[in-house]
Amino acid sequence: MRGGVAAITVSFISSAGRAAASTRPRRGPSLAGRLFALQAAVVVVVLAGFTTATWLQLGQATDDATTREMLSIARTLADAPEVRDAVDDPDPSAVLQPLAERVRLDTATDFVVVMSPTGQRWSHPNPELIGERFIGTIGPAADGGFVTETYTGTLGPSVRAVVPVLDRGRVVALVSAGRTLSAVSRELQRQIPVVVGVGAAALGVAAAGSWLVSRWLRRATHDLGPAELSRMYEYYDAVLHAVREGLLLLDGDGRVQMVNDEARRLLALPGDVGGRAVDELGLPPALGAALAAGTGGSDEIYLTADRIVVVSQAAARWSGRRLGSVVTLRDRTELRELVTELRTVRGVADSLSSQAHEAANQLHTVLALIEMGRAEEALEFATGGPAQRLVDGVVAGIGTPELAALVLAKAGEAEARGVELVVADGTALPAGLADPHDLVTIVGNLLDNAIDAAAAPDAPRPRWVRIGAEVVGPGAGVAGAPEVVLRIADSGPGVAAADVERMFGRGWTTKPAVDGRARGIGLALVDRAVRRHGGDVRVSTERGSEFVVRLPLVVT
């Protein structure tokens, strides 16, 4: 199932729209179509209201403009000297009628009436009405003010203004100018093409904008309807969170778009990582840089604070355009522990198998000595061999059974490769020092490296590996706390001084790759396991290599 989830996820992302568009049954308009219809309805309603409001406002503005115009015409005529002079004539109409008609024609008004302060007409567009009383409000004007109103007179409803004619502060006459509402309406109707044109232009622009938005949304949603989008999201979210592999979806800029629960667990991510750059999430530098680069990779091994993670990265594309990348994460921590334990068991089995013939020969020798009556020599021969001394030293000095079995297994493996594994006298590695799995990881990797170094072709003879441990009392450890100092040395060629600073990092190794498998992870695992328990690990290269591990001893 290598890369299976990544391939399925990439395929799902890059082909969901195409598959849906070509195979799904139509259940109604698409989201883009519904949005366009909604926008069109809203635009029509808004423009209808806007046009109505504009028309009403234009009508009111026309009425106000007409009122101001009539007031201005009436005041201009009232200020004319001819009007004041004609008031004192025996027949004012003889002078005022021609003057008023000329003003009416020049200003395109419907009537200009000059009257006495009591309202008796001295002029009128209909000469037959001269001498009769003016129909309308004149009281404020007769008192020295002015009147503007819409009133129904002899010519029908009209917008009119009435102002006084003053002579030395005394009201001697009144002047009224007006325009019928039908004339005002004709003026307003001339604005209809402008209002309609503006409304049509606005409707066209709004329709074009709605169409462009609908077209963009159609492409973005692949012409899917709301129900289809909702269903796709539900399945998409369910798939991503249900898989047992960790998944990260990154956009083209390396920012997190989606992270499932398993990825959060493996990378110890906080809850608010959406939209953040992947190299700003506090990941180990090598892992963060690899994910940010987006260069791809398959089954690459990285170390987090407490886990071994297998990372695969693949590009997600749509119509030839790269959308980002899909990162899958698999936990290899437990697998690594199981492999270590399996190697330990196999080592013990191989050691027992290789010593079977030797044990049989020793047994025959012991039996022969007893038959010869030399019991003391038989006892000394049976208990004084190097294998027995190794077992006695391991059992007496190492209190963790799993670790003792590992050392015995490594002893057999070392012997098969021509290397002697020696347990230093006085070795004391108490039980309960750390988690057995971590101890197996630490000691197993260091012993593997030591045996490989001692068995190397350029290693000097005799070939040996020595392991020892001691408890350092209070005052000698960190902050005066008691600690266990574990030493593993070998007779190999040693490590170059320039490599000491980087040998505990991921990828450092002096061994060639086997079957394409990545190397350079063992010492990194040792370093993390040691630090997880509050200790440290150092290396000396004076004679061969000697690794010194310090672990705090918890006294209960």
Protein backbone atom coordinates (compact mmCIF):
# COMPACT_ATOMS: atom_id res chain seq x y z
CA MET A 1 0.00 0.00 0.00
CA ARG A 2 3.03 2.22 -0.54
CA GLY A 3 1.88 5.74 -1.35
CA GLY A 4 -1.67 4.42 -1.74
CA VAL A 5 -3.44 6.99 0.36
CA ALA A 6 -1.46 9.84 -1.22
CA ALA A 7 -2.33 8.64 -4.71
CA ILE A 8 -5.99 8.24 -3.84
CA THR A 9 -6.13 11.68 -2.23
CA VAL A 10 -4.39 13.40 -5.15
CA SER A 11 -6.67 11.64 -7.60
CA PHE A 12 -9.72 12.60 -5.56
CA ILE A 13 -8.74 16.28 -5.41
CA SER A 14 -7.70 16.61 -9.06
CA SER A 15 -10.56 14.66 -10.65
CA ALA A 16 -13.56 15.18 -8.37
CA GLY A 17 -14.84 18.12 -10.38
CA ARG A 18 -14.36 16.43 -13.74
CA ALA A 19 -15.97 13.19 -12.62
CA ALA A 20 -18.88 14.98 -11.04
CA ALA A 21 -19.49 17.12 -14.12
CA SER A 22 -19.51 14.12 -16.45
CA THR A 23 -21.29 11.42 -14.47
CA ARG A 24 -23.49 12.98 -11.82
CA PRO A 25 -27.27 13.07 -12.36
CA ARG A 26 -28.71 16.54 -12.67
CA ARG A 27 -30.88 17.38 -9.66
CA GLY A 28 -31.42 21.07 -10.29
CA PRO A 29 -29.65 24.26 -11.23
CA SER A 30 -26.01 24.67 -10.31
CA LEU A 31 -24.88 26.99 -7.55
CA ALA A 32 -23.65 29.45 -10.18
CA GLY A 33 -27.03 29.38 -11.96
CA ARG A 34 -28.95 29.92 -8.74
CA LEU A 35 -26.68 32.75 -7.74
CA PHE A 36 -27.11 34.41 -11.15
CA ALA A 37 -30.90 34.17 -10.89
CA LEU A 38 -30.83 35.60 -7.37
CA GLN A 39 -28.53 38.41 -8.43
CA ALA A 40 -30.73 39.21 -11.43
CA ALA A 41 -33.83 39.41 -9.23
CA VAL A 42 -32.05 41.62 -6.71
CA VAL A 43 -30.71 43.89 -9.45
CA VAL A 44 -34.15 44.29 -11.05
CA VAL A 45 -35.79 45.11 -7.72
CA VAL A 46 -33.04 47.55 -6.73
CA LEU A 47 -33.04 49.29 -10.11
CA ALA A 48 -36.84 49.52 -10.13
CA GLY A 49 -36.78 51.14 -6.71
CA PHE A 50 -33.90 53.38 -7.73
CA THR A 51 -35.68 54.49 -10.91
CA THR A 52 -38.91 55.19 -9.04
CA ALA A 53 -37.07 57.16 -6.36
CA THR A 54 -35.16 59.07 -9.04
CA TRP A 55 -38.38 59.90 -10.89
CA LEU A 56 -40.07 61.15 -7.71
CA GLN A 57 -37.02 63.11 -6.73
CA LEU A 58 -36.76 64.58 -10.22
CA GLY A 59 -40.44 65.60 -10.07
CA GLN A 60 -39.93 67.29 -6.72
CA ALA A 61 -36.80 68.99 -8.00
CA THR A 62 -38.69 70.23 -11.07
CA ASP A 63 -41.47 71.64 -8.88
CA ASP A 64 -38.93 73.39 -6.66
CA ALA A 65 -37.10 74.81 -9.65
CA THR A 66 -40.35 76.05 -11.18
CA THR A 67 -41.34 77.67 -7.89
CA ARG A 68 -37.99 79.47 -7.64
CA GLU A 69 -38.24 80.55 -11.27
CA MET A 70 -41.77 81.96 -10.82
CA LEU A 71 -40.67 83.81 -7.68
CA SER A 72 -37.72 85.31 -9.53
CA ILE A 73 -39.89 86.44 -12.48
CA ALA A 74 -42.47 88.02 -10.20
CA ARG A 75 -39.84 89.88 -8.18
CA THR A 76 -38.09 91.13 -11.29
CA LEU A 77 -41.35 92.55 -12.66
CA ALA A 78 -42.30 94.00 -9.25
CA ASP A 79 -39.00 95.92 -9.15
CA ALA A 80 -39.63 97.51 -12.59
CA PRO A 81 -40.27 101.33 -12.36
CA GLU A 82 -42.96 101.04 -15.04
CA VAL A 83 -45.13 99.01 -12.65
CA ARG A 84 -44.86 101.55 -9.81
CA ASP A 85 -45.55 104.45 -12.17
CA ALA A 86 -48.59 102.72 -13.74
CA VAL A 87 -50.23 102.22 -10.36
CA ASP A 88 -51.00 105.96 -10.12
CA ASP A 89 -52.55 106.16 -13.63
CA PRO A 90 -56.31 106.43 -13.96
CA ASP A 91 -56.21 103.21 -16.09
CA PRO A 92 -53.30 101.02 -14.87
CA SER A 93 -54.29 98.21 -17.23
CA ALA A 94 -53.41 100.26 -20.27
CA VAL A 95 -49.73 100.14 -19.28
CA LEU A 96 -49.55 96.94 -17.25
CA GLN A 97 -51.38 94.56 -19.61
CA PRO A 98 -48.89 94.92 -22.51
CA LEU A 99 -45.94 94.83 -20.09
CA ALA A 100 -47.16 91.69 -18.33
CA GLU A 101 -47.89 89.88 -21.60
CA ARG A 102 -44.43 90.69 -22.94
CA VAL A 103 -42.84 89.29 -19.80
CA ARG A 104 -45.06 86.21 -19.95
CA LEU A 105 -44.07 85.46 -23.52
CA ASP A 106 -40.39 86.17 -22.91
CA THR A 107 -40.23 83.86 -19.87
CA ALA A 108 -42.47 81.08 -21.23
CA THR A 109 -44.79 81.29 -18.23
CA ASP A 110 -48.53 80.67 -18.44
CA PHE A 111 -49.63 83.84 -16.69
CA VAL A 112 -48.25 87.11 -15.31
CA VAL A 113 -50.83 89.06 -13.35
CA VAL A 114 -50.43 92.54 -11.84
CA MET A 115 -53.14 93.39 -9.32
CA SER A 116 -54.07 95.85 -6.64
CA PRO A 117 -53.21 95.15 -3.00
CA THR A 118 -56.79 93.91 -2.60
CA GLY A 119 -56.49 91.43 -5.50
CA GLN A 120 -58.21 93.26 -8.36
CA ARG A 121 -56.55 92.23 -11.63
CA TRP A 122 -54.93 94.93 -13.79
CA SER A 123 -53.56 92.33 -16.25
CA HIS A 124 -54.33 88.75 -17.30
CA PRO A 125 -53.60 86.47 -20.29
CA ASN A 126 -57.38 86.51 -20.86
CA PRO A 127 -58.30 90.21 -21.18
CA GLU A 128 -61.90 89.40 -20.29
CA LEU A 129 -60.84 88.57 -16.73
CA ILE A 130 -59.17 91.96 -16.12
CA GLY A 131 -60.91 93.78 -13.28
CA GLU A 132 -61.97 90.58 -11.50
CA ARG A 133 -60.43 89.32 -8.27
CA PHE A 134 -57.34 87.15 -8.31
CA ILE A 135 -57.97 83.51 -7.36
CA GLY A 136 -55.39 82.40 -4.83
CA THR A 137 -53.61 83.39 -1.63
CA ILE A 138 -52.38 87.00 -1.49
CA GLY A 139 -52.50 87.89 2.25
CA PRO A 140 -48.79 87.41 3.06
CA ALA A 141 -47.79 89.34 -0.05
CA ALA A 142 -50.17 92.23 0.77
CA ASP A 143 -48.45 92.41 4.16
CA GLY A 144 -45.05 92.81 2.52
CA GLY A 145 -44.02 89.14 2.29
CA PHE A 146 -44.40 86.65 -0.56
CA VAL A 147 -46.46 83.60 -1.41
CA THR A 148 -45.48 80.39 -3.29
CA GLU A 149 -48.08 77.67 -3.76
CA THR A 150 -49.76 75.22 -6.10
CA TYR A 151 -53.30 76.41 -6.60
CA THR A 152 -56.17 75.90 -9.06
CA GLY A 153 -57.08 79.13 -10.78
CA THR A 154 -58.75 80.16 -14.03
CA LEU A 155 -56.13 78.27 -16.10
CA GLY A 156 -56.26 75.15 -13.93
CA PRO A 157 -53.74 73.87 -11.31
CA SER A 158 -50.57 75.91 -11.43
CA VAL A 159 -47.35 76.63 -9.55
CA ARG A 160 -47.36 80.31 -8.69
CA ALA A 161 -45.63 83.07 -6.73
CA VAL A 162 -47.08 86.35 -5.47
CA VAL A 163 -44.82 89.26 -4.41
CA PRO A 164 -45.53 92.91 -3.42
CA VAL A 165 -44.70 96.08 -5.36
CA LEU A 166 -43.21 98.49 -2.87
CA ASP A 167 -43.08 102.26 -3.12
CA ARG A 168 -41.19 103.86 -0.21
CA GLY A 169 -41.96 100.82 1.91
CA ARG A 170 -45.67 100.87 1.09
CA VAL A 171 -47.35 97.99 -0.81
CA VAL A 172 -48.96 99.65 -3.86
CA ALA A 173 -49.57 96.53 -5.99
CA LEU A 174 -49.02 92.76 -6.24
CA VAL A 175 -47.40 90.73 -9.01
CA SER A 176 -48.08 87.01 -9.59
CA ALA A 177 -46.31 84.72 -12.05
CA GLY A 178 -47.28 81.09 -12.60
CA ARG A 179 -46.95 77.99 -14.75
CA THR A 180 -49.60 75.30 -15.06
CA LEU A 181 -48.88 71.78 -13.83
CA SER A 182 -49.43 70.43 -17.33
CA ALA A 183 -46.56 72.63 -18.55
CA VAL A 184 -44.41 71.45 -15.65
CA SER A 185 -45.27 67.82 -16.50
CA ARG A 186 -44.25 68.38 -20.12
CA GLU A 187 -40.91 69.66 -18.86
CA LEU A 188 -40.56 66.63 -16.62
CA GLN A 189 -41.42 64.23 -19.43
CA ARG A 190 -38.44 65.49 -21.35
CA GLN A 191 -36.27 63.88 -18.64
CA ILE A 192 -37.83 60.42 -19.13
CA PRO A 193 -35.29 59.31 -21.79
CA VAL A 194 -32.44 60.31 -19.48
CA VAL A 195 -33.87 58.40 -16.51
CA VAL A 196 -34.68 55.35 -18.63
CA GLY A 197 -31.27 55.47 -20.29
CA VAL A 198 -29.43 55.65 -16.98
CA GLY A 199 -31.55 52.81 -15.58
CA ALA A 200 -30.95 50.66 -18.67
CA ALA A 201 -27.21 51.33 -18.53
CA ALA A 202 -27.12 50.42 -14.83
CA LEU A 203 -29.11 47.26 -15.54
CA GLY A 204 -26.70 46.32 -18.32
CA VAL A 205 -23.64 46.86 -16.15
CA ALA A 206 -25.19 44.91 -13.26
CA ALA A 207 -26.22 42.08 -15.57
CA ALA A 208 -22.72 41.91 -17.07
CA GLY A 209 -21.15 41.89 -13.60
CA SER A 210 -23.52 39.17 -12.41
CA TRP A 211 -22.76 37.11 -15.50
CA LEU A 212 -19.00 37.43 -14.94
CA VAL A 213 -19.38 36.46 -11.28
CA SER A 214 -21.59 33.53 -12.26
CA ARG A 215 -19.08 32.42 -14.88
CA TRP A 216 -16.21 32.60 -12.39
CA LEU A 217 -18.25 30.72 -9.78
CA ARG A 218 -19.23 28.11 -12.35
CA ARG A 219 -15.56 27.42 -13.06
CA ALA A 220 -14.64 27.47 -9.36
CA THR A 221 -17.40 25.04 -8.37
CA HIS A 222 -17.18 22.93 -11.55
CA ASP A 223 -20.86 23.65 -12.23
CA LEU A 224 -21.95 21.74 -9.12
CA GLY A 225 -25.15 22.40 -7.25
CA PRO A 226 -25.35 23.23 -3.53
CA ALA A 227 -26.43 19.71 -2.55
CA GLU A 228 -23.61 18.18 -4.59
CA LEU A 229 -21.04 20.53 -3.08
CA SER A 230 -22.28 19.76 0.41
CA ARG A 231 -22.22 16.02 -0.21
CA MET A 232 -18.75 16.19 -1.75
CA TYR A 233 -17.40 18.17 1.20
CA GLU A 234 -18.91 15.72 3.68
CA TYR A 235 -17.36 12.70 1.94
CA TYR A 236 -14.08 14.55 1.43
CA ASP A 237 -13.85 15.49 5.09
CA ALA A 238 -14.90 12.00 6.23
CA VAL A 239 -12.27 10.31 4.03
CA LEU A 240 -9.44 12.58 5.12
CA HIS A 241 -10.17 12.19 8.82
CA ALA A 242 -10.95 8.47 8.72
CA VAL A 243 -7.73 7.22 7.10
CA ARG A 244 -5.12 5.85 9.44
CA GLU A 245 -2.32 7.77 7.76
CA GLY A 246 -1.58 11.39 8.55
CA LEU A 247 -2.52 13.80 5.76
CA LEU A 248 -1.45 17.37 5.10
CA LEU A 249 -2.81 19.39 2.18
CA LEU A 250 -0.54 22.29 1.21
CA ASP A 251 -1.23 25.01 -1.34
CA GLY A 252 1.26 26.30 -3.90
CA ASP A 253 2.84 28.62 -1.33
CA GLY A 254 3.43 25.83 1.18
CA ARG A 255 0.61 26.90 3.50
CA VAL A 256 -1.51 24.33 5.34
CA GLN A 257 -5.01 24.02 3.90
CA MET A 258 -6.10 20.85 5.71
CA VAL A 259 -4.65 18.56 8.36
CA ASN A 260 -6.30 15.42 9.67
CA ASP A 261 -6.28 14.01 13.19
CA GLU A 262 -3.50 11.50 12.63
CA ALA A 263 -1.18 14.17 11.22
CA ARG A 264 -1.83 16.34 14.27
CA ARG A 265 -0.88 13.42 16.51
CA LEU A 266 2.28 12.46 14.62
CA LEU A 267 3.58 16.02 14.32
CA ALA A 268 2.18 17.32 17.65
CA LEU A 269 0.51 20.21 15.83
CA PRO A 270 -1.58 22.86 17.59
CA GLY A 271 -5.23 23.40 16.68
CA ASP A 272 -4.85 26.59 14.63
CA VAL A 273 -2.51 25.65 11.77
CA GLY A 274 -4.84 26.48 8.85
CA GLY A 275 -3.27 29.03 6.52
CA ARG A 276 0.14 28.94 8.23
CA ALA A 277 3.35 28.15 6.39
CA VAL A 278 4.42 24.57 6.97
CA ASP A 279 7.96 25.61 7.94
CA GLU A 280 6.52 27.79 10.75
CA LEU A 281 4.79 24.97 12.63
CA GLY A 282 7.71 24.08 14.88
CA LEU A 283 8.57 20.90 12.96
CA PRO A 284 12.11 19.52 12.95
CA PRO A 285 14.17 21.73 10.57
CA ALA A 286 14.85 18.99 8.03
CA LEU A 287 11.17 17.95 7.83
CA GLY A 288 9.89 21.55 7.70
CA ALA A 289 12.32 22.48 4.91
CA ALA A 290 11.45 19.38 2.87
CA LEU A 291 7.69 20.01 3.09
CA ALA A 292 8.08 23.73 2.31
CA ALA A 293 10.21 22.98 -0.77
CA GLY A 294 7.50 20.67 -2.12
CA THR A 295 10.06 18.74 -4.14
CA GLY A 296 8.26 15.46 -3.58
CA GLY A 297 9.65 12.22 -2.22
CA SER A 298 8.48 8.76 -1.31
CA ASP A 299 8.87 6.94 2.00
CA GLU A 300 11.50 9.29 3.40
CA ILE A 301 12.22 8.84 7.10
CA TYR A 302 12.25 11.82 9.47
CA LEU A 303 12.51 12.08 13.22
CA THR A 304 10.22 14.21 15.36
CA ALA A 305 10.60 14.78 19.08
CA ASP A 306 9.47 11.26 19.97
CA ARG A 307 8.54 9.50 16.75
CA ILE A 308 9.91 8.04 13.54
CA VAL A 309 7.75 9.27 10.66
CA VAL A 310 7.72 8.01 7.08
CA VAL A 311 6.87 10.93 4.79
CA SER A 312 5.65 10.86 1.20
CA GLN A 313 4.82 13.98 -0.82
CA ALA A 314 3.05 14.19 -4.17
CA ALA A 315 1.86 17.10 -6.30
CA ALA A 316 -1.87 17.71 -6.77
CA ARG A 317 -2.75 19.04 -10.24
CA TRP A 318 -5.89 20.13 -12.06
CA SER A 319 -5.99 20.79 -15.81
CA GLY A 320 -2.21 21.03 -15.92
CA ARG A 321 -2.09 23.55 -13.07
CA ARG A 322 -0.41 22.66 -9.81
CA LEU A 323 -2.73 23.20 -6.85
CA GLY A 324 -0.23 22.30 -4.18
CA SER A 325 0.88 19.02 -2.66
CA VAL A 326 -0.46 16.13 -0.60
CA VAL A 327 1.74 14.88 2.23
CA THR A 328 1.16 11.48 3.82
CA LEU A 329 2.67 10.52 7.17
CA ARG A 330 3.07 7.06 8.63
CA ASP A 331 4.19 6.17 12.13
CA ARG A 332 7.19 3.86 12.08
CA THR A 333 8.01 4.11 15.77
CA GLU A 334 6.26 0.93 16.84
CA LEU A 335 7.49 -0.91 13.76
CA ARG A 336 11.05 0.08 14.59
CA GLU A 337 10.63 -1.19 18.14
CA LEU A 338 9.21 -4.47 16.90
CA VAL A 339 12.08 -4.87 14.43
CA THR A 340 14.59 -4.22 17.22
CA GLU A 341 12.94 -6.81 19.45
CA LEU A 342 12.79 -9.29 16.57
CA ARG A 343 16.47 -8.80 15.85
CA THR A 344 17.19 -9.39 19.52
CA VAL A 345 15.23 -12.65 19.51
CA ARG A 346 16.87 -13.76 16.28
CA GLY A 347 20.27 -12.87 17.72
CA VAL A 348 19.60 -15.03 20.77
CA ALA A 349 18.43 -17.87 18.55
CA ASP A 350 21.44 -17.60 16.26
CA SER A 351 23.75 -17.45 19.27
CA LEU A 352 22.19 -20.55 20.76
CA SER A 353 22.38 -22.37 17.44
CA SER A 354 26.03 -21.46 16.87
CA GLN A 355 26.92 -22.63 20.40
CA ALA A 356 24.98 -25.87 20.26
CA HIS A 357 27.92 -27.94 19.01
CA GLU A 358 30.32 -26.26 21.40
CA ALA A 359 27.98 -26.95 24.31
CA ALA A 360 27.72 -30.61 23.27
CA ASN A 361 31.51 -30.93 23.12
CA GLN A 362 31.89 -29.28 26.51
CA LEU A 363 29.24 -31.59 27.97
CA HIS A 364 31.05 -34.67 26.64
CA THR A 365 34.29 -33.38 28.08
CA VAL A 366 32.71 -32.81 31.50
CA LEU A 367 31.18 -36.31 31.47
CA ALA A 368 34.50 -37.83 30.50
CA LEU A 369 36.31 -36.03 33.30
CA ILE A 370 33.76 -37.25 35.81
CA GLU A 371 34.10 -40.82 34.55
CA MET A 372 37.83 -40.46 34.99
CA GLY A 373 37.26 -39.48 38.59
CA ARG A 374 38.45 -35.93 38.13
CA ALA A 375 35.39 -34.10 39.41
CA GLU A 376 37.19 -30.91 40.43
CA GLU A 377 38.63 -30.42 36.95
CA ALA A 378 35.18 -31.10 35.46
CA LEU A 379 33.57 -28.43 37.68
CA GLU A 380 36.29 -25.90 36.86
CA PHE A 381 35.97 -26.61 33.14
CA ALA A 382 32.15 -26.28 33.19
CA THR A 383 32.06 -22.96 35.10
CA GLY A 384 35.22 -21.28 33.95
CA GLY A 385 34.58 -20.82 30.20
CA PRO A 386 34.34 -17.34 28.63
CA ALA A 387 30.71 -17.82 27.59
CA GLN A 388 29.67 -18.65 31.13
CA ARG A 389 31.63 -15.71 32.51
CA LEU A 390 29.81 -13.42 30.04
CA VAL A 391 26.43 -14.74 31.08
CA ASP A 392 27.30 -14.37 34.76
CA GLY A 393 28.47 -10.79 34.22
CA VAL A 394 25.36 -9.82 32.24
CA VAL A 395 22.96 -11.38 34.72
CA ALA A 396 24.74 -9.86 37.71
CA GLY A 397 25.20 -6.36 36.28
CA ILE A 398 22.17 -5.64 34.09
CA GLY A 399 18.89 -5.47 35.98
CA THR A 400 16.59 -5.08 32.95
CA PRO A 401 15.84 -8.54 31.48
CA GLU A 402 15.16 -7.23 27.99
CA LEU A 403 18.48 -5.39 27.93
CA ALA A 404 20.35 -8.42 29.32
CA ALA A 405 18.90 -10.59 26.55
CA LEU A 406 19.93 -7.99 24.00
CA VAL A 407 23.55 -7.94 25.22
CA LEU A 408 23.77 -11.73 25.14
CA ALA A 409 22.31 -11.75 21.62
CA LYS A 410 24.80 -9.13 20.47
CA ALA A 411 27.62 -11.16 22.05
CA GLY A 412 26.71 -14.13 19.88
CA GLU A 413 26.44 -11.91 16.80
CA ALA A 414 29.82 -10.34 17.57
CA GLU A 415 31.48 -13.74 18.05
CA ALA A 416 30.14 -14.87 14.69
CA ARG A 417 31.86 -11.87 13.10
CA GLY A 418 35.16 -12.39 14.92
CA VAL A 419 34.62 -9.70 17.55
CA GLU A 420 34.77 -10.26 21.30
CA LEU A 421 32.04 -8.53 23.33
CA VAL A 422 33.29 -7.85 26.86
CA VAL A 423 31.19 -6.77 29.83
CA ALA A 424 33.35 -4.63 32.10
CA ASP A 425 33.89 -5.81 35.67
CA GLY A 426 31.61 -4.11 38.16
CA THR A 427 29.00 -3.21 35.57
CA ALA A 428 25.88 -1.92 37.33
CA LEU A 429 22.82 -1.03 35.26
CA PRO A 430 19.89 -1.05 37.71
CA ALA A 431 16.33 -1.95 36.78
CA GLY A 432 13.83 0.83 36.33
CA LEU A 433 16.39 3.21 34.87
CA ALA A 434 14.24 3.96 31.79
CA ASP A 435 11.61 2.42 29.58
CA PRO A 436 12.93 -0.98 28.36
CA HIS A 437 12.14 -0.10 24.76
CA ASP A 438 14.24 3.05 24.99
CA LEU A 439 17.08 1.17 26.65
CA VAL A 440 17.01 -1.44 23.88
CA THR A 441 17.05 1.38 21.31
CA ILE A 442 20.02 3.09 22.96
CA VAL A 443 22.19 0.06 23.71
CA GLY A 444 21.15 -1.91 20.61
CA ASN A 445 22.09 0.84 18.15
CA LEU A 446 25.35 1.65 19.91
CA LEU A 447 26.35 -2.03 20.04
CA ASP A 448 25.45 -2.51 16.36
CA ASN A 449 27.65 0.43 15.38
CA ALA A 450 30.47 -0.73 17.66
CA ILE A 451 30.43 -4.30 16.27
CA ASP A 452 30.34 -2.98 12.70
CA ALA A 453 33.31 -0.70 13.44
CA ALA A 454 35.34 -3.43 15.15
CA ALA A 455 34.63 -5.89 12.32
CA ALA A 456 35.55 -3.40 9.59
CA PRO A 457 38.35 -4.54 7.24
CA ASP A 458 40.60 -1.64 8.28
CA ALA A 459 40.02 -2.17 12.02
CA PRO A 460 43.10 -3.25 14.04
CA ARG A 461 43.33 -6.59 15.79
CA PRO A 462 42.34 -7.88 18.24
CA ARG A 463 38.74 -6.92 17.51
CA TRP A 464 36.68 -6.14 20.59
CA VAL A 465 33.70 -4.25 21.94
CA ARG A 466 33.42 -3.35 25.61
CA ILE A 467 30.26 -2.33 27.50
CA GLY A 468 30.21 -1.08 31.05
CA ALA A 469 27.99 0.93 33.36
CA GLU A 470 28.29 2.50 36.78
CA VAL A 471 26.12 4.52 39.15
CA VAL A 472 27.63 7.89 39.97
CA GLY A 473 26.55 9.16 43.38
CA PRO A 474 25.14 12.60 44.35
CA GLY A 475 27.46 15.51 43.67
CA ALA A 476 28.96 14.06 40.52
CA GLY A 477 25.94 14.24 38.25
CA VAL A 478 23.92 17.07 36.81
CA ALA A 479 22.77 19.40 39.60
CA GLY A 480 24.16 16.90 42.05
CA ALA A 481 21.62 14.19 41.15
CA PRO A 482 22.66 10.51 40.95
CA GLU A 483 23.01 9.13 37.44
CA VAL A 484 24.05 6.05 35.50
CA VAL A 485 27.00 6.36 33.13
CA LEU A 486 26.95 3.81 30.32
CA ARG A 487 30.08 3.34 28.20
CA ILE A 488 30.34 1.40 24.94
CA ALA A 489 33.77 1.33 23.30
CA ASP A 490 35.18 -0.49 20.28
CA SER A 491 38.53 -1.20 18.62
CA GLY A 492 37.43 0.17 15.26
CA PRO A 493 39.10 2.92 13.22
CA GLY A 494 37.13 5.62 15.06
CA VAL A 495 35.21 8.66 13.85
CA ALA A 496 36.71 11.74 12.24
CA ALA A 497 36.75 14.73 14.59
CA ALA A 498 34.90 16.81 11.98
CA ASP A 499 31.95 14.37 12.10
CA VAL A 500 31.46 14.41 15.88
CA GLU A 501 29.18 17.48 15.86
CA ARG A 502 26.82 16.13 13.21
CA MET A 503 26.88 12.39 13.77
CA PHE A 504 23.68 12.46 15.89
CA GLY A 505 21.69 14.17 13.14
CA ARG A 506 19.37 12.43 10.71
CA GLY A 507 21.11 10.98 7.65
CA TRP A 508 24.68 10.80 8.96
CA THR A 509 26.25 7.40 8.40
CA THR A 510 29.48 5.76 7.35
CA LYS A 511 27.67 2.69 6.02
CA PRO A 512 26.48 2.16 2.44
CA ALA A 513 22.74 1.81 1.74
CA VAL A 514 21.38 -1.75 1.66
CA ASP A 515 18.58 -2.61 -0.79
CA GLY A 516 17.87 1.11 -1.23
CA ARG A 517 16.93 1.53 2.43
CA ALA A 518 17.81 4.80 4.13
CA ARG A 519 20.63 4.69 6.68
CA GLY A 520 21.82 7.17 9.27
CA ILE A 521 18.89 6.98 11.68
CA GLY A 522 20.29 4.87 14.51
CA LEU A 523 22.37 7.52 16.29
CA ALA A 524 19.59 10.06 15.85
CA LEU A 525 17.22 7.66 17.61
CA VAL A 526 19.76 7.17 20.38
CA ASP A 527 20.07 10.91 20.89
CA ARG A 528 16.30 11.41 21.05
CA ALA A 529 15.76 8.49 23.43
CA VAL A 530 18.49 9.74 25.76
CA ARG A 531 17.19 13.32 25.74
CA ARG A 532 13.65 12.10 26.30
CA HIS A 533 14.82 10.76 29.69
CA GLY A 534 16.75 13.91 30.57
CA GLY A 535 20.22 12.58 29.77
CA ASP A 536 22.91 13.23 27.20
CA VAL A 537 25.25 11.25 24.95
CA ARG A 538 28.80 12.07 23.93
CA VAL A 539 31.51 10.42 21.87
CA SER A 540 35.26 10.21 22.29
CA THR A 541 37.56 9.38 19.37
CA GLU A 542 40.92 9.09 21.14
CA ARG A 543 41.17 5.29 20.72
CA GLY A 544 38.60 3.83 18.40
CA SER A 545 35.23 5.19 19.48
CA GLU A 546 33.72 5.40 22.94
CA PHE A 547 30.13 6.51 23.45
CA VAL A 548 29.25 7.78 26.92
CA VAL A 549 25.56 7.92 27.83
CA ARG A 550 24.44 9.64 31.03
CA LEU A 551 20.93 8.96 32.33
CA PRO A 552 19.51 10.35 35.58
CA LEU A 553 18.72 7.71 38.20
CA VAL A 554 15.33 8.18 39.77
CA VAL A 555 15.52 7.09 43.39
CA THR A 556 12.21 5.71 44.71
